[in-house]
Amino acid sequence: QVQLVESGGDLVQPGGSLRLSCAASGINVALYHMGWYRQPPGKQRELVATITRGGSTNYSDSVKGRFTIIRDNAKNTVSLQMTSLKPEDTAVYYCNAERVVSSYWGQGTQVTVSS
């Protein structure tokens, strides 16, 4: 059974930092295209960052230069380091694992950026 469990979401002030973590079980993250997505209140889910099996990364324009996606094969985790957070980063953040026809999602973790 595949499980992706996100953690690290919190309430943070603008300009602050957070690190989200996605712990995987049932799959080897090194063999999957891993990603972080988010769903702001009242909006559709959107891509935040991805990392391929080969280690190539991709970021949405809105987070480029502020967020970093990190895969730890030894711990079987994928993290999202977020800095210079803005109120518009407020959303539920989801971890995703994809390989061929398989796609798995976590339950999400809430990030709220507010003063």
C-alpha atoms as a PDB file:
ATOM      1  CA  GLN A   1       0.000   0.000   0.000  1.00  0.00           C
ATOM      2  CA  VAL A   2       1.374   3.373  -1.041  1.00  0.00           C
ATOM      3  CA  GLN A   3       1.235   6.241   1.420  1.00  0.00           C
ATOM      4  CA  LEU A   4       2.485   9.792   1.145  1.00  0.00           C
ATOM      5  CA  VAL A   5       2.323  11.692   4.414  1.00  0.00           C
ATOM      6  CA  GLU A   6       2.964  15.427   4.432  1.00  0.00           C
ATOM      7  CA  SER A   7       3.985  17.366   7.517  1.00  0.00           C
ATOM      8  CA  GLY A   8       5.387  20.744   8.472  1.00  0.00           C
ATOM      9  CA  GLY A   9       2.498  23.018   7.624  1.00  0.00           C
ATOM     10  CA  ASP A  10       1.955  25.909  10.014  1.00  0.00           C
ATOM     11  CA  LEU A  11       0.935  29.526  10.474  1.00  0.00           C
ATOM     12  CA  VAL A  12       3.868  31.789   9.603  1.00  0.00           C
ATOM     13  CA  GLN A  13       4.343  35.530   9.218  1.00  0.00           C
ATOM     14  CA  PRO A  14       5.113  37.092   5.837  1.00  0.00           C
ATOM     15  CA  GLY A  15       8.802  36.854   5.091  1.00  0.00           C
ATOM     16  CA  GLY A  16       9.158  33.722   7.171  1.00  0.00           C
ATOM     17  CA  SER A  17      10.297  30.229   6.253  1.00  0.00           C
ATOM     18  CA  LEU A  18       8.896  26.721   6.492  1.00  0.00           C
ATOM     19  CA  ARG A  19      10.044  23.269   5.504  1.00  0.00           C
ATOM     20  CA  LEU A  20       7.457  20.750   4.401  1.00  0.00           C
ATOM     21  CA  SER A  21       8.233  17.061   4.358  1.00  0.00           C
ATOM     22  CA  CYS A  22       6.653  14.157   2.481  1.00  0.00           C
ATOM     23  CA  ALA A  23       7.369  10.698   3.871  1.00  0.00           C
ATOM     24  CA  ALA A  24       6.724   7.895   1.403  1.00  0.00           C
ATOM     25  CA  SER A  25       6.002   4.257   2.091  1.00  0.00           C
ATOM     26  CA  GLY A  26       5.235   1.531  -0.405  1.00  0.00           C
ATOM     27  CA  ILE A  27       7.290   3.219  -3.126  1.00  0.00           C
ATOM     28  CA  ASN A  28      10.888   4.217  -3.678  1.00  0.00           C
ATOM     29  CA  VAL A  29      10.918   7.980  -4.274  1.00  0.00           C
ATOM     30  CA  ALA A  30      14.142   7.623  -6.268  1.00  0.00           C
ATOM     31  CA  LEU A  31      12.160   5.810  -8.970  1.00  0.00           C
ATOM     32  CA  TYR A  32       9.325   8.326  -9.150  1.00  0.00           C
ATOM     33  CA  HIS A  33       8.777  11.800 -10.529  1.00  0.00           C
ATOM     34  CA  MET A  34       8.010  13.657  -7.305  1.00  0.00           C
ATOM     35  CA  GLY A  35       6.211  16.936  -6.902  1.00  0.00           C
ATOM     36  CA  TRP A  36       4.611  19.456  -4.608  1.00  0.00           C
ATOM     37  CA  TYR A  37       1.301  21.045  -5.512  1.00  0.00           C
ATOM     38  CA  ARG A  38      -0.910  23.470  -3.656  1.00  0.00           C
ATOM     39  CA  GLN A  39      -4.539  24.500  -3.555  1.00  0.00           C
ATOM     40  CA  PRO A  40      -5.211  28.046  -2.386  1.00  0.00           C
ATOM     41  CA  PRO A  41      -8.624  28.780  -0.836  1.00  0.00           C
ATOM     42  CA  GLY A  42     -11.305  28.808  -3.508  1.00  0.00           C
ATOM     43  CA  LYS A  43      -8.882  27.974  -6.291  1.00  0.00           C
ATOM     44  CA  GLN A  44      -7.740  24.943  -8.252  1.00  0.00           C
ATOM     45  CA  ARG A  45      -4.744  22.842  -7.369  1.00  0.00           C
ATOM     46  CA  GLU A  46      -1.552  24.133  -8.985  1.00  0.00           C
ATOM     47  CA  LEU A  47       1.968  22.924  -9.486  1.00  0.00           C
ATOM     48  CA  VAL A  48       4.626  24.272  -7.128  1.00  0.00           C
ATOM     49  CA  ALA A  49       7.756  22.238  -7.814  1.00  0.00           C
ATOM     50  CA  THR A  50       8.819  18.903  -9.273  1.00  0.00           C
ATOM     51  CA  ILE A  51      11.926  16.763  -9.304  1.00  0.00           C
ATOM     52  CA  THR A  52      12.539  14.019 -11.858  1.00  0.00           C
ATOM     53  CA  ARG A  53      14.188  10.661 -11.319  1.00  0.00           C
ATOM     54  CA  GLY A  54      17.342  12.190 -12.721  1.00  0.00           C
ATOM     55  CA  GLY A  55      17.236  15.077 -10.282  1.00  0.00           C
ATOM     56  CA  SER A  56      16.085  17.841 -12.615  1.00  0.00           C
ATOM     57  CA  THR A  57      13.873  20.379 -10.897  1.00  0.00           C
ATOM     58  CA  ASN A  58      11.117  22.633 -12.112  1.00  0.00           C
ATOM     59  CA  TYR A  59       9.343  25.459 -10.305  1.00  0.00           C
ATOM     60  CA  SER A  60       6.328  27.607 -10.934  1.00  0.00           C
ATOM     61  CA  ASP A  61       7.201  31.212 -11.689  1.00  0.00           C
ATOM     62  CA  SER A  62       5.481  32.331  -8.493  1.00  0.00           C
ATOM     63  CA  VAL A  63       7.895  30.402  -6.250  1.00  0.00           C
ATOM     64  CA  LYS A  64      11.081  30.359  -8.316  1.00  0.00           C
ATOM     65  CA  GLY A  65      14.005  31.607  -6.265  1.00  0.00           C
ATOM     66  CA  ARG A  66      12.118  31.215  -2.978  1.00  0.00           C
ATOM     67  CA  PHE A  67      11.275  27.496  -2.784  1.00  0.00           C
ATOM     68  CA  THR A  68      13.544  24.476  -3.138  1.00  0.00           C
ATOM     69  CA  ILE A  69      12.475  20.868  -3.656  1.00  0.00           C
ATOM     70  CA  ILE A  70      14.808  18.288  -2.111  1.00  0.00           C
ATOM     71  CA  ARG A  71      14.723  14.517  -2.416  1.00  0.00           C
ATOM     72  CA  ASP A  72      16.430  12.329   0.178  1.00  0.00           C
ATOM     73  CA  ASN A  73      16.668   8.818  -1.218  1.00  0.00           C
ATOM     74  CA  ALA A  74      18.123   7.394   1.990  1.00  0.00           C
ATOM     75  CA  LYS A  75      15.154   8.615   4.042  1.00  0.00           C
ATOM     76  CA  ASN A  76      12.657   8.075   1.209  1.00  0.00           C
ATOM     77  CA  THR A  77      11.365  11.620   1.599  1.00  0.00           C
ATOM     78  CA  VAL A  78      10.810  14.719  -0.491  1.00  0.00           C
ATOM     79  CA  SER A  79      10.892  18.117   1.149  1.00  0.00           C
ATOM     80  CA  LEU A  80       9.952  21.626   0.140  1.00  0.00           C
ATOM     81  CA  GLN A  81      12.036  24.397   1.678  1.00  0.00           C
ATOM     82  CA  MET A  82      10.056  27.623   1.516  1.00  0.00           C
ATOM     83  CA  THR A  83      11.542  31.056   2.218  1.00  0.00           C
ATOM     84  CA  SER A  84      10.349  34.650   1.889  1.00  0.00           C
ATOM     85  CA  LEU A  85       6.795  33.453   2.288  1.00  0.00           C
ATOM     86  CA  LYS A  86       3.959  35.681   1.093  1.00  0.00           C
ATOM     87  CA  PRO A  87       0.265  35.729   1.985  1.00  0.00           C
ATOM     88  CA  GLU A  88      -0.476  34.396  -1.505  1.00  0.00           C
ATOM     89  CA  ASP A  89       1.452  31.236  -0.611  1.00  0.00           C
ATOM     90  CA  THR A  90      -1.401  30.320   1.734  1.00  0.00           C
ATOM     91  CA  ALA A  91      -2.759  26.961   0.608  1.00  0.00           C
ATOM     92  CA  VAL A  92      -3.017  23.270   1.317  1.00  0.00           C
ATOM     93  CA  TYR A  93       0.189  21.704   0.040  1.00  0.00           C
ATOM     94  CA  TYR A  94       0.137  18.203  -1.437  1.00  0.00           C
ATOM     95  CA  CYS A  95       2.877  15.723  -2.233  1.00  0.00           C
ATOM     96  CA  ASN A  96       2.622  13.753  -5.476  1.00  0.00           C
ATOM     97  CA  ALA A  97       4.445  10.717  -6.850  1.00  0.00           C
ATOM     98  CA  GLU A  98       4.128   9.706 -10.506  1.00  0.00           C
ATOM     99  CA  ARG A  99       5.502   6.863 -12.568  1.00  0.00           C
ATOM    100  CA  VAL A 100       4.122   5.745 -15.923  1.00  0.00           C
ATOM    101  CA  VAL A 101       0.404   5.238 -15.221  1.00  0.00           C
ATOM    102  CA  SER A 102       0.634   5.433 -11.420  1.00  0.00           C
ATOM    103  CA  SER A 103      -0.075   8.639  -9.522  1.00  0.00           C
ATOM    104  CA  TYR A 104      -0.283   8.968  -5.762  1.00  0.00           C
ATOM    105  CA  TRP A 105      -1.260  11.892  -3.539  1.00  0.00           C
ATOM    106  CA  GLY A 106      -0.877  12.696   0.115  1.00  0.00           C
ATOM    107  CA  GLN A 107      -3.612  14.132   2.308  1.00  0.00           C
ATOM    108  CA  GLY A 108      -2.135  17.624   2.343  1.00  0.00           C
ATOM    109  CA  THR A 109      -0.758  20.010   4.934  1.00  0.00           C
ATOM    110  CA  GLN A 110      -2.006  23.542   5.577  1.00  0.00           C
ATOM    111  CA  VAL A 111       0.303  26.513   5.182  1.00  0.00           C
ATOM    112  CA  THR A 112      -1.042  29.888   6.263  1.00  0.00           C
ATOM    113  CA  VAL A 113       0.996  33.050   5.762  1.00  0.00           C
ATOM    114  CA  SER A 114      -0.451  35.906   7.756  1.00  0.00           C
ATOM    115  CA  SER A 115       0.525  38.602  10.196  1.00  0.00           C
END
